[in-house]
Amino acid sequence: MYKKIKNKLVVYTLFTAFFSIMSCETTQLEILDSPNAVAPQQSDIDFFLNSIQLATMNMLDGSPLDNLELNQVGMELTRVLHMFGPIYENAYTPGALNGSWRAVYSTALPDIRTMVPLAEEQELYTHVGIAKVLESYMMMTMVDFFGDVPYSEATKGVEFPNPNVDSGAEIYAQVENLLDEAILDFQKNETAKPSTDLFYGGDEAKWIKLANTLKLKIYLQTRLVDSSAGSKINSLLSEGNLITSEDEDFEFKWSTNDTNPDSRHPEFSPNFDNGTSDYMSTSFLFEMVEGKPVEDPRWRYYFYRQVLENTTDPNEQACITQFPPAHYSFDDVFCNFSNEGFWGRNHGDASGIPPDRGLRTTFGLYPVGGQFDDNSGSTITGRNIGLQGAGISPIILSSYVDFMLAESSLMLNTNGDARIYLESAIRKSMDKVLNFSPANVDQDLAPTSDDVDAYVSEVLNLYDEALSTEDKLEVIIQEYVIASFGNGVEPYNAYRRTGALDLQPTIVSEPGPFIRSLFYPQVFADGNSNVEQKMNQAVQVFWDNNPAGFIN
């Protein structure tokens, strides 16, 4: 354990140096010599690989200094976290996601392009395979959030100083081929394993399972535009080499180190060091606690309440004196749904921030590494609580795979029973969350197996009682979003792909079109003469052929 943490601190020291350079520069894709890339004559293959792994996490979760990255945006748009808004067009400026863009185009891709030939020359094929899998995941995700992006001309600064974008469909096809190459690389005899594989410890079998699972993700994501998606998924199922158990989960483990560098979960520092900064979504809190006749057993792990009673002071929470907006239906959650301290904020509420940092419900034990909700209702006064930030970033978990297969079975009639996959997915999620650091859990309040069974039975009853395929799909996707807490990529994709979520409206009646893809980051759009910024964020990615106004 000590060795693992020590290795992470070393690479994070390197990462901090990289990030400080990136934050001061105005580099664009057309950089000729990246200041963040290691020169070949200085090359250490493990050093390159460390940089690539950390860049993957910076794309998803940022750093303690910059944690508005893809995961947070995806959770905000799907009402897991609060989005300030209130107009979608203004919710995220083009500069908001510069960090995610730089992580891919200024760090990861240049390092991969330099490392792979050097590693192949030295027969370090596991390094090569890992780099290709991470490249595939990053490029899929960039397409999912931004649409058409540079790929074939990227990192070729001399030949293409202003790289053009490739279509999202072309990039998906290329990364599928890249995953096949990676699988072959993992099967070759290598001269040495990576010294620091931060995900799987150099276990090629697990990387192969991840590569196959990413292919499953591709096929499900493109099922609306690819009539062969079902047969491709059945082929993967017949091979039987997907992520199926928790020990195969694709996740990143953070540490408790808080200075030089801060390698805690990026959501920990802004929410625990000096008072909570983020708001939970009132509707997501409701869904977990009162959305069903039985409580979700995971809520005490997901959330921590700083108070056990809601305020009566409108200066602390203005909504308590207000009526729900006229466009809210009777079933839409507004303000507080109970008097037990579940303190969130309505979707798109951009009103002034009251003095409530010590009152808001914040992240709990899972996955950020905060504190289990033990009914203490105490204001967070410092960082030395719970796991002190040694949480995880869940990327592709075994439970996610079963949710994918449930959707695929229901909508594409692929092999397996959707109801069985749904139950398996929920139980895997429960096992992971409820066994996350038991030493930090008040066992008197820990859920029992009967609590889990009651919740699973309730969801399966909802599924059985659903009158249409679309209604059954809504049950699956709702549970998928709940299980994905801490991951914004999967909920955001699932919502645009299916529309199968009944979400809280924005606080204003006319928020404009939902964000179907984000503005190009400013570091790219402002410095590339071959690219024009999108007219708006209603532009749909290639796999989203649902009609305009499909979701809100």
Protein backbone atom coordinates (compact mmCIF):
# COMPACT_ATOMS: atom_id res chain seq x y z
CA MET A 1 0.00 0.00 0.00
CA TYR A 2 2.78 2.43 0.93
CA LYS A 3 4.62 1.71 -2.28
CA LYS A 4 1.46 2.41 -4.29
CA ILE A 5 0.86 5.76 -2.64
CA LYS A 6 4.50 6.72 -2.94
CA ASN A 7 4.47 6.04 -6.67
CA LYS A 8 1.37 8.18 -7.07
CA LEU A 9 2.96 11.06 -5.22
CA VAL A 10 5.97 10.92 -7.48
CA VAL A 11 3.89 11.07 -10.63
CA TYR A 12 1.68 13.77 -9.19
CA THR A 13 4.76 15.87 -8.54
CA LEU A 14 5.50 15.54 -12.22
CA PHE A 15 1.89 16.31 -13.06
CA THR A 16 1.90 19.45 -10.93
CA ALA A 17 4.90 20.72 -12.85
CA PHE A 18 3.10 20.01 -16.12
CA PHE A 19 -0.06 21.73 -14.96
CA SER A 20 1.75 24.85 -13.83
CA ILE A 21 3.24 25.20 -17.29
CA MET A 22 -0.11 24.62 -19.00
CA SER A 23 -1.91 27.13 -16.83
CA CYS A 24 0.48 29.91 -17.81
CA GLU A 25 0.62 29.34 -21.54
CA THR A 26 -1.70 30.08 -24.42
CA THR A 27 -0.80 26.99 -26.38
CA GLN A 28 -3.16 25.70 -29.03
CA LEU A 29 -3.27 22.50 -30.99
CA GLU A 30 -0.86 23.93 -33.50
CA ILE A 31 2.09 24.01 -31.07
CA LEU A 32 5.25 22.94 -32.83
CA ASP A 33 7.20 21.76 -29.79
CA SER A 34 5.00 21.04 -26.81
CA PRO A 35 6.53 22.37 -23.58
CA ASN A 36 4.72 19.52 -21.81
CA ALA A 37 6.23 16.69 -23.85
CA VAL A 38 9.41 14.93 -22.87
CA ALA A 39 12.15 15.09 -25.47
CA PRO A 40 12.99 11.67 -26.96
CA GLN A 41 16.60 11.90 -25.83
CA GLN A 42 15.32 12.23 -22.25
CA SER A 43 12.77 9.56 -22.69
CA ASP A 44 11.82 7.19 -19.97
CA ILE A 45 8.94 5.04 -21.18
CA ASP A 46 7.45 4.77 -17.71
CA PHE A 47 7.59 8.53 -17.35
CA PHE A 48 5.61 8.93 -20.57
CA LEU A 49 3.06 6.36 -19.44
CA ASN A 50 2.61 8.09 -16.09
CA SER A 51 1.96 11.37 -17.87
CA ILE A 52 -0.62 9.76 -20.17
CA GLN A 53 -2.49 8.15 -17.28
CA LEU A 54 -2.62 11.40 -15.33
CA ALA A 55 -3.75 13.32 -18.40
CA THR A 56 -6.67 10.91 -18.71
CA MET A 57 -7.74 11.79 -15.19
CA ASN A 58 -7.19 15.50 -15.76
CA MET A 59 -9.54 15.30 -18.74
CA LEU A 60 -12.22 13.70 -16.57
CA ASP A 61 -11.80 15.23 -13.13
CA GLY A 62 -9.28 18.02 -13.40
CA SER A 63 -7.21 18.80 -10.37
CA PRO A 64 -7.87 20.29 -6.93
CA LEU A 65 -7.12 23.68 -8.52
CA ASP A 66 -9.40 23.16 -11.52
CA ASN A 67 -12.18 20.64 -10.99
CA LEU A 68 -14.72 21.86 -13.56
CA GLU A 69 -14.02 19.15 -16.06
CA LEU A 70 -16.09 16.65 -18.01
CA ASN A 71 -17.36 14.59 -15.10
CA GLN A 72 -18.71 17.59 -13.26
CA VAL A 73 -20.35 19.06 -16.37
CA GLY A 74 -22.03 15.73 -17.16
CA MET A 75 -23.35 15.40 -13.61
CA GLU A 76 -24.65 18.97 -13.65
CA LEU A 77 -26.50 18.57 -16.93
CA THR A 78 -28.22 15.42 -15.68
CA ARG A 79 -29.22 17.03 -12.35
CA VAL A 80 -26.91 14.96 -10.16
CA LEU A 81 -25.15 18.18 -9.17
CA HIS A 82 -26.55 21.69 -9.39
CA MET A 83 -25.98 23.66 -12.60
CA PHE A 84 -26.01 27.42 -12.14
CA GLY A 85 -27.36 28.35 -15.55
CA PRO A 86 -30.08 29.45 -15.81
CA ILE A 87 -29.78 29.63 -19.62
CA TYR A 88 -28.02 26.63 -21.15
CA GLU A 89 -26.24 28.81 -23.68
CA ASN A 90 -24.47 30.68 -20.88
CA ALA A 91 -23.99 27.83 -18.41
CA TYR A 92 -20.44 27.04 -19.59
CA THR A 93 -18.19 29.53 -21.32
CA PRO A 94 -15.85 28.37 -24.10
CA GLY A 95 -12.97 28.77 -21.66
CA ALA A 96 -14.52 26.58 -18.98
CA LEU A 97 -13.13 23.32 -20.33
CA ASN A 98 -9.71 24.46 -21.51
CA GLY A 99 -8.18 22.09 -18.95
CA SER A 100 -9.83 18.99 -20.39
CA TRP A 101 -8.80 19.98 -23.92
CA ARG A 102 -5.18 20.63 -22.94
CA ALA A 103 -5.01 17.34 -21.05
CA VAL A 104 -5.74 15.48 -24.28
CA TYR A 105 -4.12 17.61 -26.97
CA SER A 106 -1.19 19.23 -25.16
CA THR A 107 -0.19 16.28 -23.00
CA ALA A 108 -1.69 12.87 -23.71
CA LEU A 109 -1.63 12.67 -27.51
CA PRO A 110 1.86 14.21 -27.94
CA ASP A 111 3.24 11.85 -25.31
CA ILE A 112 1.51 8.83 -26.88
CA ARG A 113 2.84 9.71 -30.34
CA THR A 114 6.37 9.94 -28.94
CA MET A 115 6.19 6.99 -26.56
CA VAL A 116 4.63 4.28 -28.73
CA PRO A 117 7.43 3.92 -31.34
CA LEU A 118 10.05 4.04 -28.60
CA ALA A 119 8.20 1.41 -26.57
CA GLU A 120 7.72 -0.81 -29.62
CA GLU A 121 11.43 -0.57 -30.37
CA GLN A 122 12.14 -1.77 -26.82
CA GLU A 123 9.39 -4.42 -27.00
CA LEU A 124 7.47 -2.83 -24.14
CA TYR A 125 4.14 -3.94 -25.55
CA THR A 126 2.10 -3.59 -22.37
CA HIS A 127 3.04 0.10 -22.31
CA VAL A 128 1.90 0.36 -25.94
CA GLY A 129 -1.39 -1.41 -25.28
CA ILE A 130 -2.21 0.77 -22.27
CA ALA A 131 -1.48 3.93 -24.25
CA LYS A 132 -3.77 2.81 -27.07
CA VAL A 133 -6.64 1.94 -24.72
CA LEU A 134 -6.37 5.27 -22.93
CA GLU A 135 -6.17 7.11 -26.24
CA SER A 136 -9.30 5.31 -27.38
CA TYR A 137 -11.20 6.24 -24.24
CA MET A 138 -10.09 9.87 -24.37
CA MET A 139 -10.97 10.36 -28.02
CA MET A 140 -14.38 8.68 -27.62
CA THR A 141 -15.09 11.02 -24.73
CA MET A 142 -13.94 14.12 -26.61
CA VAL A 143 -16.35 13.22 -29.40
CA ASP A 144 -19.13 12.59 -26.88
CA PHE A 145 -18.75 16.07 -25.37
CA PHE A 146 -17.56 18.21 -28.28
CA GLY A 147 -18.60 16.38 -31.47
CA ASP A 148 -16.19 16.65 -34.42
CA VAL A 149 -12.68 17.24 -33.08
CA PRO A 150 -9.11 17.05 -34.43
CA TYR A 151 -7.53 13.62 -34.56
CA SER A 152 -5.81 12.61 -37.79
CA GLU A 153 -3.99 15.98 -38.03
CA ALA A 154 -3.55 16.51 -34.29
CA THR A 155 -0.01 16.66 -32.83
CA LYS A 156 1.47 17.16 -36.32
CA GLY A 157 2.37 20.76 -35.75
CA VAL A 158 4.86 21.19 -38.60
CA GLU A 159 2.66 19.54 -41.22
CA PHE A 160 -0.69 20.76 -39.85
CA PRO A 161 -0.21 23.89 -37.73
CA ASN A 162 -3.98 24.45 -37.80
CA PRO A 163 -5.45 20.95 -37.66
CA ASN A 164 -8.88 20.33 -39.12
CA VAL A 165 -11.52 18.39 -37.25
CA ASP A 166 -12.43 14.81 -38.11
CA SER A 167 -16.01 13.62 -37.99
CA GLY A 168 -17.05 11.92 -34.79
CA ALA A 169 -18.04 8.81 -36.73
CA GLU A 170 -14.57 8.54 -38.28
CA ILE A 171 -12.92 8.92 -34.88
CA TYR A 172 -15.13 6.23 -33.35
CA ALA A 173 -14.17 3.87 -36.19
CA GLN A 174 -10.47 4.61 -35.73
CA VAL A 175 -10.49 4.07 -31.99
CA GLU A 176 -12.34 0.77 -32.42
CA ASN A 177 -9.44 -0.36 -34.62
CA LEU A 178 -7.01 1.00 -32.04
CA LEU A 179 -8.64 -1.16 -29.37
CA ASP A 180 -8.18 -4.23 -31.55
CA GLU A 181 -4.50 -3.32 -31.93
CA ALA A 182 -4.17 -2.91 -28.18
CA ILE A 183 -5.64 -6.36 -27.53
CA LEU A 184 -2.97 -7.85 -29.81
CA ASP A 185 -0.25 -5.83 -28.08
CA PHE A 186 -1.26 -7.21 -24.68
CA GLN A 187 -0.84 -10.74 -26.02
CA LYS A 188 2.78 -10.18 -27.09
CA ASN A 189 5.78 -11.06 -24.95
CA GLU A 190 7.21 -7.87 -23.48
CA THR A 191 10.67 -7.23 -22.09
CA ALA A 192 9.31 -5.50 -18.96
CA LYS A 193 6.02 -4.46 -17.40
CA PRO A 194 5.23 -0.85 -16.52
CA SER A 195 6.66 0.22 -13.19
CA THR A 196 3.54 2.24 -12.44
CA ASP A 197 0.28 1.14 -13.98
CA LEU A 198 -2.10 3.28 -11.90
CA PHE A 199 -5.17 1.34 -13.01
CA TYR A 200 -4.42 -2.40 -13.24
CA GLY A 201 -0.88 -2.89 -12.01
CA GLY A 202 0.29 -4.24 -15.36
CA ASP A 203 -2.37 -6.98 -15.56
CA GLU A 204 -2.80 -7.46 -19.32
CA ALA A 205 -5.88 -9.66 -18.90
CA LYS A 206 -7.75 -6.83 -17.19
CA TRP A 207 -6.67 -4.34 -19.82
CA ILE A 208 -7.99 -6.69 -22.51
CA LYS A 209 -11.32 -6.88 -20.71
CA LEU A 210 -11.41 -3.09 -20.58
CA ALA A 211 -10.65 -2.85 -24.30
CA ASN A 212 -13.53 -5.20 -25.08
CA THR A 213 -15.80 -3.29 -22.71
CA LEU A 214 -14.97 -0.03 -24.46
CA LYS A 215 -16.03 -1.70 -27.71
CA LEU A 216 -19.33 -2.57 -26.02
CA LYS A 217 -19.64 1.08 -25.04
CA ILE A 218 -19.02 2.11 -28.67
CA TYR A 219 -21.67 -0.27 -30.00
CA LEU A 220 -24.30 0.76 -27.46
CA GLN A 221 -23.52 4.44 -27.93
CA THR A 222 -23.96 4.15 -31.71
CA ARG A 223 -27.01 1.89 -31.70
CA LEU A 224 -29.23 4.67 -33.10
CA VAL A 225 -27.03 5.09 -36.19
CA ASP A 226 -25.61 1.58 -36.66
CA SER A 227 -28.03 -1.18 -37.59
CA SER A 228 -25.36 -3.80 -36.90
CA ALA A 229 -24.80 -2.71 -33.28
CA GLY A 230 -26.83 -5.61 -31.89
CA SER A 231 -24.90 -8.29 -33.75
CA LYS A 232 -21.60 -6.70 -32.69
CA ILE A 233 -22.68 -6.79 -29.05
CA ASN A 234 -23.72 -10.43 -29.38
CA SER A 235 -20.26 -11.22 -30.74
CA LEU A 236 -18.68 -9.64 -27.68
CA LEU A 237 -21.04 -11.58 -25.43
CA SER A 238 -20.12 -14.84 -27.14
CA GLU A 239 -16.44 -14.11 -26.51
CA GLY A 240 -17.21 -13.57 -22.84
CA ASN A 241 -14.27 -11.29 -22.07
CA LEU A 242 -15.86 -8.14 -20.63
CA ILE A 243 -15.50 -6.47 -17.23
CA THR A 244 -17.74 -8.52 -14.94
CA SER A 245 -16.44 -8.14 -11.38
CA GLU A 246 -15.32 -5.37 -9.05
CA ASP A 247 -11.67 -6.38 -9.15
CA GLU A 248 -11.75 -5.58 -12.89
CA ASP A 249 -13.30 -2.11 -12.48
CA PHE A 250 -11.64 0.69 -14.42
CA GLU A 251 -11.17 3.33 -11.74
CA PHE A 252 -8.54 5.67 -10.40
CA LYS A 253 -7.53 5.65 -6.73
CA TRP A 254 -6.60 8.92 -5.08
CA SER A 255 -4.47 9.39 -1.95
CA THR A 256 -4.64 11.46 1.26
CA ASN A 257 -1.66 13.67 0.41
CA ASP A 258 -2.80 17.30 0.53
CA THR A 259 0.30 19.35 -0.25
CA ASN A 260 3.10 19.40 -2.83
CA PRO A 261 1.17 18.00 -4.64
CA ASP A 262 -2.45 17.67 -3.57
CA SER A 263 -3.32 14.16 -4.79
CA ARG A 264 -6.69 13.84 -3.10
CA HIS A 265 -9.87 13.41 -5.10
CA PRO A 266 -10.32 16.71 -7.00
CA GLU A 267 -13.79 17.23 -5.46
CA PHE A 268 -12.42 16.90 -1.93
CA SER A 269 -10.38 20.08 -1.58
CA PRO A 270 -13.06 22.56 -2.74
CA ASN A 271 -15.71 20.88 -0.57
CA PHE A 272 -13.87 20.00 2.62
CA ASP A 273 -10.87 22.28 3.16
CA ASN A 274 -12.69 25.59 3.57
CA GLY A 275 -16.40 24.83 3.48
CA THR A 276 -18.55 23.22 0.82
CA SER A 277 -18.47 24.83 -2.64
CA ASP A 278 -20.74 22.54 -4.68
CA TYR A 279 -24.49 22.10 -4.36
CA MET A 280 -26.18 18.77 -4.77
CA SER A 281 -29.26 18.74 -6.98
CA THR A 282 -32.47 18.84 -4.94
CA SER A 283 -34.07 16.37 -7.33
CA PHE A 284 -31.20 13.87 -7.08
CA LEU A 285 -31.30 14.07 -3.29
CA PHE A 286 -35.04 13.43 -3.44
CA GLU A 287 -34.63 10.50 -5.82
CA MET A 288 -32.20 8.81 -3.44
CA VAL A 289 -34.11 9.45 -0.22
CA GLU A 290 -37.82 9.68 -1.00
CA GLY A 291 -38.19 8.91 -4.69
CA LYS A 292 -39.30 5.36 -3.94
CA PRO A 293 -41.25 3.80 -1.05
CA VAL A 294 -37.89 2.55 0.28
CA GLU A 295 -34.72 4.61 0.74
CA ASP A 296 -31.76 3.96 -1.48
CA PRO A 297 -29.22 2.21 0.82
CA ARG A 298 -26.40 4.15 -0.81
CA TRP A 299 -27.46 7.66 0.18
CA ARG A 300 -25.45 7.84 3.43
CA TYR A 301 -22.34 6.97 1.40
CA TYR A 302 -23.07 9.45 -1.39
CA PHE A 303 -24.06 12.44 0.75
CA TYR A 304 -23.14 14.08 4.02
CA ARG A 305 -25.60 16.46 5.72
CA GLN A 306 -24.05 19.30 7.68
CA VAL A 307 -27.37 19.99 9.41
CA LEU A 308 -30.24 17.70 10.37
CA GLU A 309 -32.97 20.33 10.13
CA ASN A 310 -33.70 22.77 7.36
CA THR A 311 -33.44 26.46 8.00
CA THR A 312 -36.32 28.84 8.68
CA ASP A 313 -34.17 31.84 7.71
CA PRO A 314 -34.81 33.00 4.10
CA ASN A 315 -31.46 34.80 4.16
CA GLU A 316 -29.84 31.37 4.31
CA GLN A 317 -32.15 29.70 1.79
CA ALA A 318 -34.38 32.02 -0.20
CA CYS A 319 -36.49 29.29 -1.80
CA ILE A 320 -38.25 28.47 1.49
CA THR A 321 -40.43 31.58 1.09
CA GLN A 322 -41.10 31.02 -2.61
CA PHE A 323 -43.64 29.02 -4.56
CA PRO A 324 -42.47 26.62 -7.29
CA PRO A 325 -42.28 28.23 -10.73
CA ALA A 326 -45.47 27.96 -12.76
CA HIS A 327 -43.86 25.60 -15.27
CA TYR A 328 -43.04 23.05 -12.54
CA SER A 329 -45.49 20.18 -12.39
CA PHE A 330 -46.95 18.81 -9.18
CA ASP A 331 -44.34 16.03 -9.17
CA ASP A 332 -41.31 18.27 -9.70
CA VAL A 333 -39.15 18.71 -6.62
CA PHE A 334 -38.65 22.33 -5.58
CA CYS A 335 -36.49 23.58 -2.72
CA ASN A 336 -36.61 21.19 0.26
CA PHE A 337 -38.49 17.92 0.17
CA SER A 338 -38.00 17.15 3.86
CA ASN A 339 -37.00 18.86 7.09
CA GLU A 340 -34.02 16.59 7.69
CA GLY A 341 -31.21 18.73 6.32
CA PHE A 342 -31.08 17.61 2.70
CA TRP A 343 -29.88 21.00 1.50
CA GLY A 344 -29.50 21.26 -2.27
CA ARG A 345 -30.33 23.73 -5.02
CA ASN A 346 -32.74 23.77 -7.95
CA HIS A 347 -31.49 23.12 -11.48
CA GLY A 348 -30.26 26.31 -13.11
CA ASP A 349 -30.73 28.50 -10.02
CA ALA A 350 -28.22 31.29 -10.60
CA SER A 351 -29.38 33.59 -7.84
CA GLY A 352 -26.96 34.99 -5.28
CA ILE A 353 -25.14 32.65 -2.95
CA PRO A 354 -26.30 32.96 0.67
CA PRO A 355 -24.05 32.24 3.69
CA ASP A 356 -24.77 28.52 3.56
CA ARG A 357 -21.37 26.87 3.01
CA GLY A 358 -21.65 25.22 6.41
CA LEU A 359 -25.23 24.11 5.78
CA ARG A 360 -25.27 22.51 2.34
CA THR A 361 -25.41 18.77 1.83
CA THR A 362 -22.06 17.74 0.38
CA PHE A 363 -20.23 14.71 -0.95
CA GLY A 364 -20.00 11.70 1.34
CA LEU A 365 -17.67 8.75 1.72
CA TYR A 366 -18.18 7.32 -1.78
CA PRO A 367 -16.56 8.06 -4.17
CA VAL A 368 -14.87 11.33 -3.11
CA GLY A 369 -13.39 10.05 0.16
CA GLY A 370 -15.42 12.27 2.47
CA GLN A 371 -17.49 11.27 5.48
CA PHE A 372 -20.27 8.73 5.96
CA ASP A 373 -23.50 10.39 7.08
CA ASP A 374 -23.81 9.21 10.67
CA ASN A 375 -26.58 11.63 11.69
CA SER A 376 -24.07 13.86 13.45
CA GLY A 377 -25.20 16.85 11.41
CA SER A 378 -21.99 18.75 12.13
CA THR A 379 -20.50 21.48 9.99
CA ILE A 380 -17.33 20.46 8.20
CA THR A 381 -14.51 22.43 9.78
CA GLY A 382 -11.45 20.81 8.28
CA ARG A 383 -10.00 18.26 5.94
CA ASN A 384 -9.27 15.49 8.43
CA ILE A 385 -12.54 13.63 8.05
CA GLY A 386 -13.53 10.32 6.54
CA LEU A 387 -11.00 9.05 4.04
CA GLN A 388 -9.43 12.52 3.78
CA GLY A 389 -9.87 12.52 0.03
CA ALA A 390 -8.58 9.01 -0.69
CA GLY A 391 -11.57 8.24 -2.85
CA ILE A 392 -11.89 6.92 -6.37
CA SER A 393 -12.90 8.17 -9.78
CA PRO A 394 -15.23 5.51 -11.21
CA ILE A 395 -14.78 5.31 -14.99
CA ILE A 396 -16.12 1.94 -16.19
CA LEU A 397 -17.40 -0.33 -13.43
CA SER A 398 -18.75 -3.87 -13.65
CA SER A 399 -22.18 -2.53 -12.66
CA TYR A 400 -22.06 -0.14 -15.62
CA VAL A 401 -21.50 -3.08 -17.95
CA ASP A 402 -24.66 -4.80 -16.73
CA PHE A 403 -26.65 -1.58 -17.17
CA MET A 404 -25.33 -1.35 -20.74
CA LEU A 405 -26.32 -4.94 -21.40
CA ALA A 406 -29.76 -4.37 -19.88
CA GLU A 407 -30.37 -1.49 -22.29
CA SER A 408 -28.97 -3.49 -25.18
CA SER A 409 -31.15 -6.51 -24.42
CA LEU A 410 -34.26 -4.36 -24.12
CA MET A 411 -33.69 -2.11 -27.13
CA LEU A 412 -31.68 -4.32 -29.50
CA ASN A 413 -32.86 -7.77 -28.41
CA THR A 414 -29.30 -8.89 -27.78
CA ASN A 415 -28.56 -12.04 -25.81
CA GLY A 416 -29.51 -12.11 -22.15
CA ASP A 417 -32.48 -10.91 -20.14
CA ALA A 418 -32.74 -7.17 -19.47
CA ARG A 419 -34.42 -7.71 -16.09
CA ILE A 420 -31.66 -10.07 -14.93
CA TYR A 421 -28.98 -7.63 -16.07
CA LEU A 422 -30.78 -4.81 -14.25
CA GLU A 423 -30.86 -6.71 -10.97
CA SER A 424 -27.23 -7.75 -11.32
CA ALA A 425 -26.19 -4.15 -12.05
CA ILE A 426 -27.92 -2.77 -8.96
CA ARG A 427 -26.52 -5.48 -6.69
CA LYS A 428 -22.99 -4.93 -7.99
CA SER A 429 -23.33 -1.20 -7.35
CA MET A 430 -24.63 -1.87 -3.84
CA ASP A 431 -21.77 -4.24 -3.09
CA LYS A 432 -19.18 -1.72 -4.21
CA VAL A 433 -20.63 1.28 -2.41
CA LEU A 434 -21.68 -0.45 0.82
CA ASN A 435 -18.28 -2.10 1.18
CA PHE A 436 -16.33 1.07 0.49
CA SER A 437 -14.10 1.58 3.55
CA PRO A 438 -16.24 -0.15 6.23
CA ALA A 439 -13.93 1.22 8.93
CA ASN A 440 -15.33 4.69 8.22
CA VAL A 441 -18.97 3.60 8.48
CA ASP A 442 -21.19 3.75 11.56
CA GLN A 443 -22.30 0.12 11.62
CA ASP A 444 -25.47 1.01 13.55
CA LEU A 445 -26.58 2.97 10.49
CA ALA A 446 -25.06 0.72 7.82
CA PRO A 447 -27.65 -0.79 5.47
CA THR A 448 -28.43 -4.49 5.86
CA SER A 449 -28.88 -7.14 3.21
CA ASP A 450 -32.63 -6.84 3.85
CA ASP A 451 -32.42 -3.13 2.98
CA VAL A 452 -30.69 -3.98 -0.29
CA ASP A 453 -33.21 -6.71 -1.10
CA ALA A 454 -36.11 -4.34 -0.41
CA TYR A 455 -34.66 -1.73 -2.76
CA VAL A 456 -33.94 -4.24 -5.51
CA SER A 457 -37.47 -5.66 -5.21
CA GLU A 458 -38.94 -2.16 -5.51
CA VAL A 459 -37.00 -1.42 -8.68
CA LEU A 460 -37.88 -4.78 -10.24
CA ASN A 461 -41.53 -4.17 -9.41
CA LEU A 462 -41.31 -0.82 -11.20
CA TYR A 463 -39.75 -2.58 -14.16
CA ASP A 464 -42.39 -5.31 -14.23
CA GLU A 465 -45.22 -2.80 -13.95
CA ALA A 466 -43.89 -0.58 -16.75
CA LEU A 467 -46.41 -0.71 -19.59
CA SER A 468 -44.06 0.01 -22.48
CA THR A 469 -40.51 -0.62 -23.59
CA GLU A 470 -39.80 3.08 -23.14
CA ASP A 471 -41.05 2.96 -19.55
CA LYS A 472 -38.86 -0.06 -18.82
CA LEU A 473 -35.91 1.76 -20.34
CA GLU A 474 -36.54 4.70 -18.02
CA VAL A 475 -36.23 2.38 -15.01
CA ILE A 476 -32.91 1.06 -16.31
CA ILE A 477 -31.43 4.47 -17.12
CA GLN A 478 -32.58 6.01 -13.84
CA GLU A 479 -30.78 3.28 -11.91
CA TYR A 480 -27.74 3.61 -14.18
CA VAL A 481 -27.47 7.32 -13.35
CA ILE A 482 -27.80 6.65 -9.62
CA ALA A 483 -25.09 3.97 -9.74
CA SER A 484 -22.82 6.28 -11.77
CA PHE A 485 -22.47 8.87 -8.99
CA GLY A 486 -19.04 10.48 -9.42
CA ASN A 487 -19.06 9.84 -13.18
CA GLY A 488 -20.62 12.42 -15.49
CA VAL A 489 -19.78 10.83 -18.84
CA GLU A 490 -22.17 7.89 -18.63
CA PRO A 491 -25.27 9.82 -17.43
CA TYR A 492 -24.79 12.59 -20.01
CA ASN A 493 -24.42 10.07 -22.83
CA ALA A 494 -27.34 7.95 -21.65
CA TYR A 495 -29.64 10.97 -21.39
CA ARG A 496 -28.93 12.16 -24.94
CA ARG A 497 -29.08 8.61 -26.30
CA THR A 498 -32.35 7.60 -24.66
CA GLY A 499 -34.12 10.63 -23.19
CA ALA A 500 -35.20 8.15 -20.53
CA LEU A 501 -34.98 10.40 -17.48
CA ASP A 502 -37.74 12.45 -15.88
CA LEU A 503 -35.62 15.36 -14.71
CA GLN A 504 -36.28 18.52 -12.72
CA PRO A 505 -36.93 21.49 -15.03
CA THR A 506 -34.60 24.46 -15.02
CA ILE A 507 -35.66 27.25 -12.68
CA VAL A 508 -36.63 29.44 -15.67
CA SER A 509 -39.34 28.38 -18.07
CA GLU A 510 -37.33 29.07 -21.24
CA PRO A 511 -33.72 27.96 -20.68
CA GLY A 512 -33.04 27.50 -24.39
CA PRO A 513 -32.04 24.25 -26.10
CA PHE A 514 -30.41 21.58 -23.98
CA ILE A 515 -26.65 21.23 -24.49
CA ARG A 516 -26.26 18.39 -27.00
CA SER A 517 -22.53 19.15 -27.34
CA LEU A 518 -20.34 21.78 -25.72
CA PHE A 519 -18.67 24.80 -27.25
CA TYR A 520 -15.14 24.14 -28.49
CA PRO A 521 -12.74 25.21 -25.73
CA GLN A 522 -11.32 28.67 -26.19
CA VAL A 523 -7.71 27.44 -26.45
CA PHE A 524 -8.68 25.63 -29.64
CA ALA A 525 -11.32 27.79 -31.29
CA ASP A 526 -9.54 31.12 -30.81
CA GLY A 527 -6.21 30.00 -32.23
CA ASN A 528 -7.09 27.79 -35.18
CA SER A 529 -7.81 29.50 -38.48
CA ASN A 530 -9.45 26.37 -39.89
CA VAL A 531 -12.11 26.16 -37.21
CA GLU A 532 -15.14 28.25 -36.43
CA GLN A 533 -16.77 28.19 -33.02
CA LYS A 534 -20.17 26.48 -32.97
CA MET A 535 -23.17 28.73 -33.40
CA ASN A 536 -24.69 27.19 -30.30
CA GLN A 537 -24.55 24.13 -28.08
CA ALA A 538 -27.60 22.46 -29.63
CA VAL A 539 -25.30 20.86 -32.25
CA GLN A 540 -25.73 17.10 -31.92
CA VAL A 541 -22.92 14.55 -31.91
CA PHE A 542 -23.02 11.97 -34.69
CA TRP A 543 -24.62 9.18 -32.65
CA ASP A 544 -27.41 11.41 -31.38
CA ASN A 545 -30.04 11.43 -34.12
CA ASN A 546 -32.90 12.17 -31.75
CA PRO A 547 -35.03 15.19 -32.69
CA ALA A 548 -34.39 18.74 -31.54
CA GLY A 549 -36.12 19.41 -28.23
CA PHE A 550 -35.89 15.71 -27.37
CA ILE A 551 -34.57 16.50 -23.88
CA ASN A 552 -34.45 19.56 -21.64
